[in-house]
C-alpha atoms as a PDB file:
ATOM      1  CA  MET A   1       4.300  13.787  -1.525  1.00  0.00           C
ATOM      2  CA  ALA A   2       4.745  13.059   1.905  1.00  0.00           C
ATOM      3  CA  TYR A   3       4.760   9.706   4.008  1.00  0.00           C
ATOM      4  CA  THR A   4       6.823   8.418   6.285  1.00  0.00           C
ATOM      5  CA  PRO A   5       9.457   6.278   3.540  1.00  0.00           C
ATOM      6  CA  GLY A   6       9.400   2.719   3.714  1.00  0.00           C
ATOM      7  CA  PRO A   7      10.191  -0.920   4.554  1.00  0.00           C
ATOM      8  CA  TRP A   8       7.768  -0.736   7.276  1.00  0.00           C
ATOM      9  CA  ASN A   9       7.096  -3.818   8.715  1.00  0.00           C
ATOM     10  CA  ALA A  10       4.049  -5.260  11.071  1.00  0.00           C
ATOM     11  CA  VAL A  11       5.283  -6.964  14.834  1.00  0.00           C
ATOM     12  CA  GLN A  12       3.420  -8.694  16.330  1.00  0.00           C
ATOM     13  CA  TRP A  13       2.384  -7.932  20.071  1.00  0.00           C
ATOM     14  CA  PHE A  14       4.673 -11.260  22.587  1.00  0.00           C
ATOM     15  CA  SER A  15       0.409 -12.045  24.017  1.00  0.00           C
ATOM     16  CA  ASN A  16      -0.900 -11.519  20.272  1.00  0.00           C
ATOM     17  CA  ARG A  17      -3.108  -8.817  21.200  1.00  0.00           C
ATOM     18  CA  GLY A  18      -2.492  -7.001  18.268  1.00  0.00           C
ATOM     19  CA  VAL A  19       0.102  -5.508  15.459  1.00  0.00           C
ATOM     20  CA  ASN A  20       2.554  -2.416  15.650  1.00  0.00           C
ATOM     21  CA  ILE A  21       3.239  -1.133  11.798  1.00  0.00           C
ATOM     22  CA  VAL A  22       6.528   0.773  12.341  1.00  0.00           C
ATOM     23  CA  SER A  23       9.079   2.114  10.014  1.00  0.00           C
ATOM     24  CA  GLU A  24      12.666   1.868  10.437  1.00  0.00           C
ATOM     25  CA  ARG A  25      12.425   4.803  12.635  1.00  0.00           C
ATOM     26  CA  MET A  26       9.507   4.867  14.140  1.00  0.00           C
ATOM     27  CA  PHE A  27       5.579   3.734  15.134  1.00  0.00           C
ATOM     28  CA  LEU A  28       3.460   4.331  12.494  1.00  0.00           C
ATOM     29  CA  CYS A  29       0.228   2.754  13.670  1.00  0.00           C
ATOM     30  CA  GLU A  30      -1.560   0.041  15.805  1.00  0.00           C
ATOM     31  CA  ILE A  31      -4.065  -2.731  15.563  1.00  0.00           C
ATOM     32  CA  SER A  32      -5.500  -3.900  18.557  1.00  0.00           C
ATOM     33  CA  LYS A  33      -7.180  -7.295  17.438  1.00  0.00           C
ATOM     34  CA  SER A  34      -9.503  -6.709  19.992  1.00  0.00           C
ATOM     35  CA  ARG A  35     -10.964  -4.235  17.579  1.00  0.00           C
ATOM     36  CA  ASP A  36     -10.110  -6.319  14.282  1.00  0.00           C
ATOM     37  CA  PRO A  37     -10.249  -9.886  14.122  1.00  0.00           C
ATOM     38  CA  ASN A  38      -8.635  -9.950  10.688  1.00  0.00           C
ATOM     39  CA  PHE A  39      -5.884  -7.457  12.087  1.00  0.00           C
ATOM     40  CA  ALA A  40      -2.678  -9.133  10.765  1.00  0.00           C
ATOM     41  CA  ASP A  41      -3.562  -9.886   7.560  1.00  0.00           C
ATOM     42  CA  ASP A  42      -4.791  -5.993   7.345  1.00  0.00           C
ATOM     43  CA  ALA A  43      -1.133  -4.741   9.187  1.00  0.00           C
ATOM     44  CA  ARG A  44       0.874  -6.678   6.046  1.00  0.00           C
ATOM     45  CA  LEU A  45      -1.184  -5.346   2.818  1.00  0.00           C
ATOM     46  CA  MET A  46      -0.332  -1.818   5.630  1.00  0.00           C
ATOM     47  CA  ALA A  47       3.717  -2.734   5.084  1.00  0.00           C
ATOM     48  CA  ALA A  48       3.142  -3.813   2.104  1.00  0.00           C
ATOM     49  CA  ALA A  49       1.811   0.105   1.446  1.00  0.00           C
ATOM     50  CA  PRO A  50       5.024   1.836   0.483  1.00  0.00           C
ATOM     51  CA  ARG A  51       6.282  -0.904  -1.755  1.00  0.00           C
ATOM     52  CA  LEU A  52       2.728  -1.181  -3.266  1.00  0.00           C
ATOM     53  CA  LEU A  53       3.035   1.901  -4.243  1.00  0.00           C
ATOM     54  CA  GLU A  54       6.338   2.033  -6.064  1.00  0.00           C
ATOM     55  CA  ALA A  55       5.211  -1.097  -7.805  1.00  0.00           C
ATOM     56  CA  LEU A  56       1.798   0.057  -8.637  1.00  0.00           C
ATOM     57  CA  GLN A  57       3.815   3.611 -10.080  1.00  0.00           C
ATOM     58  CA  ALA A  58       6.852   1.630 -11.851  1.00  0.00           C
ATOM     59  CA  VAL A  59       3.954  -0.276 -13.716  1.00  0.00           C
ATOM     60  CA  TYR A  60       2.962   2.410 -14.616  1.00  0.00           C
ATOM     61  CA  ASP A  61       5.595   4.152 -15.539  1.00  0.00           C
ATOM     62  CA  GLU A  62       6.479   2.073 -17.825  1.00  0.00           C
ATOM     63  CA  LEU A  63       2.670   2.146 -19.986  1.00  0.00           C
ATOM     64  CA  PRO A  64       3.020   4.020 -23.330  1.00  0.00           C
ATOM     65  CA  GLU A  65       1.482   7.682 -23.378  1.00  0.00           C
ATOM     66  CA  GLU A  66      -0.845   6.802 -26.204  1.00  0.00           C
ATOM     67  CA  GLY A  67      -2.678   3.482 -27.973  1.00  0.00           C
ATOM     68  CA  ILE A  68      -2.111   1.842 -24.364  1.00  0.00           C
ATOM     69  CA  SER A  69      -5.333   0.225 -25.267  1.00  0.00           C
ATOM     70  CA  THR A  70      -7.985  -0.785 -26.817  1.00  0.00           C
ATOM     71  CA  ARG A  71      -8.949  -3.008 -24.768  1.00  0.00           C
ATOM     72  CA  HIS A  72     -11.421  -1.180 -22.127  1.00  0.00           C
ATOM     73  CA  SER A  73      -9.951  -3.730 -19.587  1.00  0.00           C
ATOM     74  CA  THR A  74      -6.581  -2.028 -20.064  1.00  0.00           C
ATOM     75  CA  ARG A  75      -7.660   1.038 -20.308  1.00  0.00           C
ATOM     76  CA  MET A  76      -9.573   0.289 -16.918  1.00  0.00           C
ATOM     77  CA  ALA A  77      -7.549  -1.044 -15.035  1.00  0.00           C
ATOM     78  CA  THR A  78      -4.768   1.654 -16.572  1.00  0.00           C
ATOM     79  CA  GLU A  79      -7.351   4.393 -15.051  1.00  0.00           C
ATOM     80  CA  LYS A  80      -7.325   2.611 -11.580  1.00  0.00           C
ATOM     81  CA  ALA A  81      -3.676   2.216 -11.153  1.00  0.00           C
ATOM     82  CA  ARG A  82      -3.867   6.386 -12.217  1.00  0.00           C
ATOM     83  CA  ALA A  83      -6.343   7.275  -9.992  1.00  0.00           C
ATOM     84  CA  VAL A  84      -5.267   5.596  -7.276  1.00  0.00           C
ATOM     85  CA  ILE A  85      -1.860   7.076  -7.331  1.00  0.00           C
ATOM     86  CA  ALA A  86      -2.720  10.304  -7.926  1.00  0.00           C
ATOM     87  CA  GLU A  87      -5.532   9.676  -4.922  1.00  0.00           C
ATOM     88  CA  VAL A  88      -2.019   8.519  -2.029  1.00  0.00           C
ATOM     89  CA  LYS A  89       0.191  11.503  -4.257  1.00  0.00           C
ATOM     90  CA  GLY A  90      -1.909  14.080  -3.646  1.00  0.00           C
END
């Protein structure tokens, strides 16, 4: 898996016109208020991405291989988690 290691942070510009997503070592991206009215919320979600992936992977890893559940909703949630992890990890 190749992405910039976390933690990532959302750093608001002094002018309140946008937010930068940064890691401890580098600038990752910029979200401009003029292009996205939800820029601050989006930036916080993006900054949390490494922690969200880590948490989802930890929960998924604790699920038993067989007999996860007979409930359809639980099986669907498990499949969604597996698919997102696979998508991110490539």
